[in-house]
Amino acid sequence: ETLIAYRYPVYRMTMDNKEYSAAGVIIVNGRCYAGKHIVSPDND
């Protein structure tokens, strides 16, 4: 449903005082996201 209806805006982000412009961001505290999928293998 989201693929069809979403408008895909761009967001302004500041991370540790450095600026970025992007379609989105995923923040992870450990290694996994959305189940068992590894997006940050060296994190804990």
All heavy atoms as atom14 arrays in JSON, in Angstrom:
{
  "sequence": "ETLIAYRYPVYRMTMDNKEYSAAGVIIVNGRCYAGKHIVSPDND",
  "atom14_mask": [
    [1, 1, 1, 1, 1, 1, 1, 1, 1, 0, 0, 0, 0, 0],
    [1, 1, 1, 1, 1, 1, 1, 0, 0, 0, 0, 0, 0, 0],
    [1, 1, 1, 1, 1, 1, 1, 1, 0, 0, 0, 0, 0, 0],
    [1, 1, 1, 1, 1, 1, 1, 1, 0, 0, 0, 0, 0, 0],
    [1, 1, 1, 1, 1, 0, 0, 0, 0, 0, 0, 0, 0, 0],
    [1, 1, 1, 1, 1, 1, 1, 1, 1, 1, 1, 1, 0, 0],
    [1, 1, 1, 1, 1, 1, 1, 1, 1, 1, 1, 0, 0, 0],
    [1, 1, 1, 1, 1, 1, 1, 1, 1, 1, 1, 1, 0, 0],
    [1, 1, 1, 1, 1, 1, 1, 0, 0, 0, 0, 0, 0, 0],
    [1, 1, 1, 1, 1, 1, 1, 0, 0, 0, 0, 0, 0, 0],
    [1, 1, 1, 1, 1, 1, 1, 1, 1, 1, 1, 1, 0, 0],
    [1, 1, 1, 1, 1, 1, 1, 1, 1, 1, 1, 0, 0, 0],
    [1, 1, 1, 1, 1, 1, 1, 1, 0, 0, 0, 0, 0, 0],
    [1, 1, 1, 1, 1, 1, 1, 0, 0, 0, 0, 0, 0, 0],
    [1, 1, 1, 1, 1, 1, 1, 1, 0, 0, 0, 0, 0, 0],
    [1, 1, 1, 1, 1, 1, 1, 1, 0, 0, 0, 0, 0, 0],
    [1, 1, 1, 1, 1, 1, 1, 1, 0, 0, 0, 0, 0, 0],
    [1, 1, 1, 1, 1, 1, 1, 1, 1, 0, 0, 0, 0, 0],
    [1, 1, 1, 1, 1, 1, 1, 1, 1, 0, 0, 0, 0, 0],
    [1, 1, 1, 1, 1, 1, 1, 1, 1, 1, 1, 1, 0, 0],
    [1, 1, 1, 1, 1, 1, 0, 0, 0, 0, 0, 0, 0, 0],
    [1, 1, 1, 1, 1, 0, 0, 0, 0, 0, 0, 0, 0, 0],
    [1, 1, 1, 1, 1, 0, 0, 0, 0, 0, 0, 0, 0, 0],
    [1, 1, 1, 1, 0, 0, 0, 0, 0, 0, 0, 0, 0, 0],
    [1, 1, 1, 1, 1, 1, 1, 0, 0, 0, 0, 0, 0, 0],
    [1, 1, 1, 1, 1, 1, 1, 1, 0, 0, 0, 0, 0, 0],
    [1, 1, 1, 1, 1, 1, 1, 1, 0, 0, 0, 0, 0, 0],
    [1, 1, 1, 1, 1, 1, 1, 0, 0, 0, 0, 0, 0, 0],
    [1, 1, 1, 1, 1, 1, 1, 1, 0, 0, 0, 0, 0, 0],
    [1, 1, 1, 1, 0, 0, 0, 0, 0, 0, 0, 0, 0, 0],
    [1, 1, 1, 1, 1, 1, 1, 1, 1, 1, 1, 0, 0, 0],
    [1, 1, 1, 1, 1, 1, 0, 0, 0, 0, 0, 0, 0, 0],
    [1, 1, 1, 1, 1, 1, 1, 1, 1, 1, 1, 1, 0, 0],
    [1, 1, 1, 1, 1, 0, 0, 0, 0, 0, 0, 0, 0, 0],
    [1, 1, 1, 1, 0, 0, 0, 0, 0, 0, 0, 0, 0, 0],
    [1, 1, 1, 1, 1, 1, 1, 1, 1, 0, 0, 0, 0, 0],
    [1, 1, 1, 1, 1, 1, 1, 1, 1, 1, 0, 0, 0, 0],
    [1, 1, 1, 1, 1, 1, 1, 1, 0, 0, 0, 0, 0, 0],
    [1, 1, 1, 1, 1, 1, 1, 0, 0, 0, 0, 0, 0, 0],
    [1, 1, 1, 1, 1, 1, 0, 0, 0, 0, 0, 0, 0, 0],
    [1, 1, 1, 1, 1, 1, 1, 0, 0, 0, 0, 0, 0, 0],
    [1, 1, 1, 1, 1, 1, 1, 1, 0, 0, 0, 0, 0, 0],
    [1, 1, 1, 1, 1, 1, 1, 1, 0, 0, 0, 0, 0, 0],
    [1, 1, 1, 1, 1, 1, 1, 1, 0, 0, 0, 0, 0, 0]
  ],
  "atom14_positions": [
    [[0.83, -1.2, 0.0], [0.0, 0.0, 0.0], [0.86, 1.26, 0.0], [0.57, 2.24, -0.7], [-0.92, 0.0, 1.22], [-1.98, -1.08, 1.21], [-2.84, -1.04, 2.46], [-2.6, -0.17, 3.33], [-3.75, -1.88, 2.57], [0.0, 0.0, 0.0], [0.0, 0.0, 0.0], [0.0, 0.0, 0.0], [0.0, 0.0, 0.0], [0.0, 0.0, 0.0]],
    [[1.94, 1.23, 0.79], [2.8, 2.4, 0.9], [3.54, 2.68, -0.4], [3.71, 3.85, -0.79], [3.81, 2.21, 2.05], [3.1, 1.91, 3.25], [4.64, 3.47, 2.27], [0.0, 0.0, 0.0], [0.0, 0.0, 0.0], [0.0, 0.0, 0.0], [0.0, 0.0, 0.0], [0.0, 0.0, 0.0], [0.0, 0.0, 0.0], [0.0, 0.0, 0.0]],
    [[3.99, 1.63, -1.08], [4.66, 1.81, -2.37], [3.8, 2.62, -3.34], [4.31, 3.45, -4.1], [5.0, 0.45, -2.99], [6.29, -0.22, -2.57], [6.35, -1.63, -3.11], [7.5, 0.58, -3.05], [0.0, 0.0, 0.0], [0.0, 0.0, 0.0], [0.0, 0.0, 0.0], [0.0, 0.0, 0.0], [0.0, 0.0, 0.0], [0.0, 0.0, 0.0]],
    [[2.51, 2.39, -3.3], [1.59, 3.07, -4.21], [1.28, 4.49, -3.75], [1.26, 5.42, -4.55], [0.28, 2.25, -4.33], [0.58, 0.87, -4.93], [-0.75, 2.99, -5.18], [-0.58, -0.09, -4.87], [0.0, 0.0, 0.0], [0.0, 0.0, 0.0], [0.0, 0.0, 0.0], [0.0, 0.0, 0.0], [0.0, 0.0, 0.0], [0.0, 0.0, 0.0]],
    [[1.04, 4.65, -2.45], [0.52, 5.93, -1.95], [1.58, 6.92, -1.47], [1.32, 8.13, -1.42], [-0.46, 5.65, -0.8], [0.0, 0.0, 0.0], [0.0, 0.0, 0.0], [0.0, 0.0, 0.0], [0.0, 0.0, 0.0], [0.0, 0.0, 0.0], [0.0, 0.0, 0.0], [0.0, 0.0, 0.0], [0.0, 0.0, 0.0], [0.0, 0.0, 0.0]],
    [[2.77, 6.43, -1.1], [3.79, 7.3, -0.5], [4.33, 8.31, -1.5], [4.47, 8.02, -2.7], [4.93, 6.41, 0.02], [5.95, 7.11, 0.87], [5.6, 7.83, 1.99], [7.32, 7.0, 0.56], [6.55, 8.45, 2.79], [8.28, 7.6, 1.35], [7.9, 8.33, 2.45], [8.86, 8.93, 3.24], [0.0, 0.0, 0.0], [0.0, 0.0, 0.0]],
    [[4.67, 9.52, -1.03], [5.11, 10.6, -1.93], [6.63, 10.74, -2.01], [7.13, 11.58, -2.75], [4.48, 11.92, -1.47], [2.96, 11.92, -1.61], [2.38, 13.28, -1.29], [0.94, 13.33, -1.48], [0.2, 14.4, -1.31], [0.78, 15.55, -0.93], [-1.1, 14.35, -1.5], [0.0, 0.0, 0.0], [0.0, 0.0, 0.0], [0.0, 0.0, 0.0]],
    [[7.37, 10.0, -1.22], [8.84, 9.94, -1.28], [9.5, 11.31, -1.14], [10.24, 11.77, -2.02], [9.29, 9.25, -2.58], [8.73, 7.87, -2.71], [7.57, 7.65, -3.46], [9.31, 6.78, -2.06], [7.02, 6.37, -3.56], [8.77, 5.51, -2.16], [7.62, 5.31, -2.9], [7.09, 4.06, -3.0], [0.0, 0.0, 0.0], [0.0, 0.0, 0.0]],
    [[9.27, 11.99, -0.02], [9.94, 13.28, 0.21], [11.4, 13.1, 0.59], [11.87, 11.99, 0.85], [9.14, 13.85, 1.4], [8.69, 12.63, 2.14], [8.39, 11.6, 1.09], [0.0, 0.0, 0.0], [0.0, 0.0, 0.0], [0.0, 0.0, 0.0], [0.0, 0.0, 0.0], [0.0, 0.0, 0.0], [0.0, 0.0, 0.0], [0.0, 0.0, 0.0]],
    [[12.11, 14.22, 0.65], [13.52, 14.24, 1.07], [13.58, 14.97, 2.41], [12.9, 15.99, 2.61], [14.4, 14.93, 0.03], [15.82, 15.11, 0.55], [14.41, 14.11, -1.27], [0.0, 0.0, 0.0], [0.0, 0.0, 0.0], [0.0, 0.0, 0.0], [0.0, 0.0, 0.0], [0.0, 0.0, 0.0], [0.0, 0.0, 0.0], [0.0, 0.0, 0.0]],
    [[14.41, 14.46, 3.32], [14.5, 14.99, 4.68], [15.87, 15.6, 4.93], [16.88, 15.14, 4.41], [14.25, 13.87, 5.7], [12.92, 13.2, 5.53], [12.81, 12.01, 4.81], [11.77, 13.76, 6.07], [11.58, 11.4, 4.64], [10.53, 13.15, 5.91], [10.45, 11.97, 5.19], [9.23, 11.38, 5.02], [0.0, 0.0, 0.0], [0.0, 0.0, 0.0]],
    [[15.89, 16.63, 5.78], [17.14, 17.26, 6.2], [17.54, 16.67, 7.55], [16.72, 16.62, 8.48], [16.96, 18.77, 6.32], [16.59, 19.43, 5.0], [16.47, 20.95, 5.14], [15.42, 21.32, 6.08], [14.13, 21.39, 5.76], [13.74, 21.09, 4.53], [13.23, 21.75, 6.66], [0.0, 0.0, 0.0], [0.0, 0.0, 0.0], [0.0, 0.0, 0.0]],
    [[18.79, 16.23, 7.65], [19.26, 15.55, 8.85], [20.59, 16.14, 9.28], [21.43, 16.5, 8.45], [19.47, 14.05, 8.57], [18.31, 13.37, 7.91], [18.7, 11.66, 7.45], [17.24, 11.27, 6.48], [0.0, 0.0, 0.0], [0.0, 0.0, 0.0], [0.0, 0.0, 0.0], [0.0, 0.0, 0.0], [0.0, 0.0, 0.0], [0.0, 0.0, 0.0]],
    [[20.79, 16.18, 10.59], [22.08, 16.56, 11.16], [22.51, 15.45, 12.1], [21.79, 15.12, 13.04], [21.99, 17.89, 11.94], [21.51, 18.91, 11.06], [23.36, 18.29, 12.47], [0.0, 0.0, 0.0], [0.0, 0.0, 0.0], [0.0, 0.0, 0.0], [0.0, 0.0, 0.0], [0.0, 0.0, 0.0], [0.0, 0.0, 0.0], [0.0, 0.0, 0.0]],
    [[23.67, 14.86, 11.81], [24.18, 13.76, 12.63], [25.56, 14.11, 13.15], [26.5, 14.27, 12.38], [24.23, 12.47, 11.8], [22.88, 12.09, 11.24], [22.78, 10.39, 10.7], [21.11, 10.38, 10.02], [0.0, 0.0, 0.0], [0.0, 0.0, 0.0], [0.0, 0.0, 0.0], [0.0, 0.0, 0.0], [0.0, 0.0, 0.0], [0.0, 0.0, 0.0]],
    [[25.64, 14.25, 14.48], [26.88, 14.67, 15.11], [27.47, 15.88, 14.4], [28.64, 15.92, 14.02], [27.88, 13.5, 15.14], [27.46, 12.41, 16.11], [26.58, 12.66, 16.96], [28.0, 11.3, 16.02], [0.0, 0.0, 0.0], [0.0, 0.0, 0.0], [0.0, 0.0, 0.0], [0.0, 0.0, 0.0], [0.0, 0.0, 0.0], [0.0, 0.0, 0.0]],
    [[26.6, 16.88, 14.18], [26.97, 18.19, 13.62], [27.31, 18.16, 12.14], [27.79, 19.17, 11.6], [28.13, 18.81, 14.41], [27.78, 19.03, 15.85], [26.69, 19.5, 16.18], [28.7, 18.68, 16.75], [0.0, 0.0, 0.0], [0.0, 0.0, 0.0], [0.0, 0.0, 0.0], [0.0, 0.0, 0.0], [0.0, 0.0, 0.0], [0.0, 0.0, 0.0]],
    [[27.05, 17.05, 11.42], [27.26, 17.0, 9.98], [25.91, 16.87, 9.3], [25.08, 16.06, 9.71], [28.17, 15.83, 9.6], [28.54, 15.83, 8.12], [29.58, 14.77, 7.81], [29.97, 14.82, 6.33], [30.99, 13.79, 6.0], [0.0, 0.0, 0.0], [0.0, 0.0, 0.0], [0.0, 0.0, 0.0], [0.0, 0.0, 0.0], [0.0, 0.0, 0.0]],
    [[25.68, 17.66, 8.23], [24.37, 17.71, 7.59], [24.27, 16.75, 6.41], [25.23, 16.53, 5.67], [24.08, 19.14, 7.13], [23.95, 20.14, 8.28], [23.54, 21.52, 7.81], [23.45, 21.73, 6.58], [23.31, 22.39, 8.68], [0.0, 0.0, 0.0], [0.0, 0.0, 0.0], [0.0, 0.0, 0.0], [0.0, 0.0, 0.0], [0.0, 0.0, 0.0]],
    [[23.05, 16.17, 6.26], [22.76, 15.25, 5.17], [21.37, 15.59, 4.63], [20.53, 16.13, 5.32], [22.77, 13.79, 5.64], [24.1, 13.33, 6.18], [24.41, 13.52, 7.52], [25.03, 12.7, 5.36], [25.63, 13.09, 8.03], [26.24, 12.27, 5.86], [26.54, 12.47, 7.2], [27.75, 12.05, 7.7], [0.0, 0.0, 0.0], [0.0, 0.0, 0.0]],
    [[21.14, 15.2, 3.36], [19.83, 15.27, 2.75], [19.55, 13.89, 2.18], [20.35, 13.36, 1.4], [19.8, 16.34, 1.64], [18.53, 16.4, 1.03], [0.0, 0.0, 0.0], [0.0, 0.0, 0.0], [0.0, 0.0, 0.0], [0.0, 0.0, 0.0], [0.0, 0.0, 0.0], [0.0, 0.0, 0.0], [0.0, 0.0, 0.0], [0.0, 0.0, 0.0]],
    [[18.41, 13.28, 2.55], [18.19, 11.89, 2.17], [16.71, 11.55, 2.14], [15.86, 12.28, 2.67], [18.92, 10.96, 3.14], [0.0, 0.0, 0.0], [0.0, 0.0, 0.0], [0.0, 0.0, 0.0], [0.0, 0.0, 0.0], [0.0, 0.0, 0.0], [0.0, 0.0, 0.0], [0.0, 0.0, 0.0], [0.0, 0.0, 0.0], [0.0, 0.0, 0.0]],
    [[16.41, 10.41, 1.51], [15.03, 9.93, 1.41], [14.56, 9.29, 2.71], [13.36, 9.16, 2.94], [14.91, 8.93, 0.26], [0.0, 0.0, 0.0], [0.0, 0.0, 0.0], [0.0, 0.0, 0.0], [0.0, 0.0, 0.0], [0.0, 0.0, 0.0], [0.0, 0.0, 0.0], [0.0, 0.0, 0.0], [0.0, 0.0, 0.0], [0.0, 0.0, 0.0]],
    [[15.5, 8.88, 3.54], [15.13, 8.25, 4.8], [16.34, 7.81, 5.57], [17.48, 7.84, 5.06], [0.0, 0.0, 0.0], [0.0, 0.0, 0.0], [0.0, 0.0, 0.0], [0.0, 0.0, 0.0], [0.0, 0.0, 0.0], [0.0, 0.0, 0.0], [0.0, 0.0, 0.0], [0.0, 0.0, 0.0], [0.0, 0.0, 0.0], [0.0, 0.0, 0.0]],
    [[16.12, 7.38, 6.8], [17.22, 6.89, 7.62], [16.69, 5.82, 8.56], [15.56, 5.9, 9.07], [17.89, 8.02, 8.43], [16.91, 8.68, 9.38], [19.12, 7.51, 9.17], [0.0, 0.0, 0.0], [0.0, 0.0, 0.0], [0.0, 0.0, 0.0], [0.0, 0.0, 0.0], [0.0, 0.0, 0.0], [0.0, 0.0, 0.0], [0.0, 0.0, 0.0]],
    [[17.49, 4.79, 8.76], [17.2, 3.75, 9.74], [18.27, 3.85, 10.82], [19.47, 3.78, 10.53], [17.22, 2.34, 9.11], [16.13, 2.23, 8.04], [17.04, 1.27, 10.17], [16.25, 0.98, 7.19], [0.0, 0.0, 0.0], [0.0, 0.0, 0.0], [0.0, 0.0, 0.0], [0.0, 0.0, 0.0], [0.0, 0.0, 0.0], [0.0, 0.0, 0.0]],
    [[17.85, 4.04, 12.06], [18.76, 4.1, 13.19], [18.69, 2.77, 13.93], [17.6, 2.32, 14.3], [18.38, 5.24, 14.16], [18.22, 6.56, 13.41], [19.39, 5.35, 15.3], [19.47, 7.05, 12.74], [0.0, 0.0, 0.0], [0.0, 0.0, 0.0], [0.0, 0.0, 0.0], [0.0, 0.0, 0.0], [0.0, 0.0, 0.0], [0.0, 0.0, 0.0]],
    [[19.83, 2.11, 14.12], [19.81, 0.83, 14.82], [20.71, 0.89, 16.05], [21.8, 1.46, 16.02], [20.25, -0.33, 13.9], [19.15, -0.68, 12.92], [21.53, -0.02, 13.16], [0.0, 0.0, 0.0], [0.0, 0.0, 0.0], [0.0, 0.0, 0.0], [0.0, 0.0, 0.0], [0.0, 0.0, 0.0], [0.0, 0.0, 0.0], [0.0, 0.0, 0.0]],
    [[20.22, 0.29, 17.13], [20.94, 0.26, 18.39], [21.79, -1.0, 18.51], [22.77, -1.04, 19.24], [19.95, 0.34, 19.56], [20.61, 0.56, 20.89], [21.68, 1.17, 20.98], [20.0, 0.07, 21.96], [0.0, 0.0, 0.0], [0.0, 0.0, 0.0], [0.0, 0.0, 0.0], [0.0, 0.0, 0.0], [0.0, 0.0, 0.0], [0.0, 0.0, 0.0]],
    [[21.4, -2.06, 17.78], [22.14, -3.32, 17.79], [22.57, -3.69, 16.39], [23.05, -2.86, 15.62], [0.0, 0.0, 0.0], [0.0, 0.0, 0.0], [0.0, 0.0, 0.0], [0.0, 0.0, 0.0], [0.0, 0.0, 0.0], [0.0, 0.0, 0.0], [0.0, 0.0, 0.0], [0.0, 0.0, 0.0], [0.0, 0.0, 0.0], [0.0, 0.0, 0.0]],
    [[22.36, -4.96, 16.02], [22.74, -5.43, 14.69], [21.55, -5.62, 13.76], [21.67, -5.47, 12.56], [23.48, -6.79, 14.81], [24.74, -6.75, 15.64], [25.36, -8.15, 15.73], [24.39, -9.12, 16.25], [24.05, -10.25, 15.62], [24.59, -10.55, 14.46], [23.16, -11.07, 16.16], [0.0, 0.0, 0.0], [0.0, 0.0, 0.0], [0.0, 0.0, 0.0]],
    [[20.39, -5.97, 14.33], [19.26, -6.44, 13.53], [18.21, -5.35, 13.28], [18.1, -4.39, 14.03], [18.59, -7.62, 14.23], [19.64, -9.07, 14.43], [0.0, 0.0, 0.0], [0.0, 0.0, 0.0], [0.0, 0.0, 0.0], [0.0, 0.0, 0.0], [0.0, 0.0, 0.0], [0.0, 0.0, 0.0], [0.0, 0.0, 0.0], [0.0, 0.0, 0.0]],
    [[17.45, -5.6, 12.21], [16.35, -4.72, 11.85], [15.29, -5.55, 11.12], [15.63, -6.45, 10.34], [16.84, -3.58, 10.94], [15.73, -2.75, 10.36], [15.1, -1.77, 11.12], [15.29, -2.94, 9.05], [14.07, -1.0, 10.61], [14.27, -2.18, 8.52], [13.65, -1.22, 9.3], [12.62, -0.48, 8.79], [0.0, 0.0, 0.0], [0.0, 0.0, 0.0]],
    [[14.02, -5.29, 11.4], [12.9, -5.97, 10.72], [13.01, -7.49, 10.83], [12.86, -8.21, 9.86], [12.82, -5.54, 9.26], [0.0, 0.0, 0.0], [0.0, 0.0, 0.0], [0.0, 0.0, 0.0], [0.0, 0.0, 0.0], [0.0, 0.0, 0.0], [0.0, 0.0, 0.0], [0.0, 0.0, 0.0], [0.0, 0.0, 0.0], [0.0, 0.0, 0.0]],
    [[13.3, -7.96, 12.02], [13.47, -9.4, 12.22], [14.95, -9.74, 12.37], [15.68, -9.06, 13.07], [0.0, 0.0, 0.0], [0.0, 0.0, 0.0], [0.0, 0.0, 0.0], [0.0, 0.0, 0.0], [0.0, 0.0, 0.0], [0.0, 0.0, 0.0], [0.0, 0.0, 0.0], [0.0, 0.0, 0.0], [0.0, 0.0, 0.0], [0.0, 0.0, 0.0]],
    [[15.37, -10.77, 11.68], [16.74, -11.25, 11.8], [17.71, -10.61, 10.81], [18.87, -11.01, 10.73], [16.76, -12.76, 11.62], [16.31, -13.23, 10.24], [16.34, -14.76, 10.14], [15.88, -15.21, 8.77], [15.89, -16.7, 8.65], [0.0, 0.0, 0.0], [0.0, 0.0, 0.0], [0.0, 0.0, 0.0], [0.0, 0.0, 0.0], [0.0, 0.0, 0.0]],
    [[17.26, -9.61, 10.04], [18.1, -9.03, 9.01], [19.18, -8.13, 9.63], [18.91, -7.26, 10.43], [17.25, -8.24, 8.02], [16.15, -9.06, 7.42], [16.4, -10.13, 6.6], [14.8, -9.0, 7.57], [15.25, -10.69, 6.24], [14.28, -10.03, 6.82], [0.0, 0.0, 0.0], [0.0, 0.0, 0.0], [0.0, 0.0, 0.0], [0.0, 0.0, 0.0]],
    [[20.42, -8.35, 9.22], [21.57, -7.65, 9.79], [21.86, -6.38, 8.98], [22.2, -6.46, 7.79], [22.82, -8.55, 9.8], [22.53, -9.89, 10.49], [23.99, -7.83, 10.46], [22.17, -9.77, 11.94], [0.0, 0.0, 0.0], [0.0, 0.0, 0.0], [0.0, 0.0, 0.0], [0.0, 0.0, 0.0], [0.0, 0.0, 0.0], [0.0, 0.0, 0.0]],
    [[21.74, -5.23, 9.6], [22.08, -3.98, 8.92], [23.29, -3.3, 9.54], [23.84, -2.37, 8.97], [20.88, -3.0, 8.91], [19.71, -3.58, 8.13], [20.44, -2.64, 10.31], [0.0, 0.0, 0.0], [0.0, 0.0, 0.0], [0.0, 0.0, 0.0], [0.0, 0.0, 0.0], [0.0, 0.0, 0.0], [0.0, 0.0, 0.0], [0.0, 0.0, 0.0]],
    [[23.7, -3.76, 10.72], [24.88, -3.18, 11.38], [25.66, -4.31, 12.06], [25.58, -4.49, 13.28], [24.44, -2.12, 12.4], [25.56, -1.53, 13.02], [0.0, 0.0, 0.0], [0.0, 0.0, 0.0], [0.0, 0.0, 0.0], [0.0, 0.0, 0.0], [0.0, 0.0, 0.0], [0.0, 0.0, 0.0], [0.0, 0.0, 0.0], [0.0, 0.0, 0.0]],
    [[26.41, -5.09, 11.27], [27.0, -6.34, 11.78], [27.98, -6.18, 12.93], [28.14, -7.11, 13.73], [27.7, -6.93, 10.54], [27.87, -5.77, 9.61], [26.71, -4.87, 9.84], [0.0, 0.0, 0.0], [0.0, 0.0, 0.0], [0.0, 0.0, 0.0], [0.0, 0.0, 0.0], [0.0, 0.0, 0.0], [0.0, 0.0, 0.0], [0.0, 0.0, 0.0]],
    [[28.63, -5.02, 13.06], [29.63, -4.84, 14.1], [29.1, -4.12, 15.34], [29.86, -3.86, 16.28], [30.84, -4.06, 13.54], [31.53, -4.81, 12.42], [31.6, -6.06, 12.5], [31.98, -4.17, 11.45], [0.0, 0.0, 0.0], [0.0, 0.0, 0.0], [0.0, 0.0, 0.0], [0.0, 0.0, 0.0], [0.0, 0.0, 0.0], [0.0, 0.0, 0.0]],
    [[27.83, -3.8, 15.34], [27.27, -3.08, 16.48], [26.81, -4.05, 17.56], [26.73, -5.26, 17.34], [26.11, -2.19, 16.02], [25.84, -1.05, 16.97], [26.74, -0.58, 17.66], [24.61, -0.57, 17.02], [0.0, 0.0, 0.0], [0.0, 0.0, 0.0], [0.0, 0.0, 0.0], [0.0, 0.0, 0.0], [0.0, 0.0, 0.0], [0.0, 0.0, 0.0]],
    [[26.49, -3.53, 18.73], [26.09, -4.35, 19.86], [25.09, -3.57, 20.7], [25.26, -2.37, 20.93], [27.33, -4.71, 20.7], [27.01, -5.67, 21.82], [26.5, -5.22, 22.87], [27.25, -6.87, 21.65], [0.0, 0.0, 0.0], [0.0, 0.0, 0.0], [0.0, 0.0, 0.0], [0.0, 0.0, 0.0], [0.0, 0.0, 0.0], [0.0, 0.0, 0.0]]
  ]
}
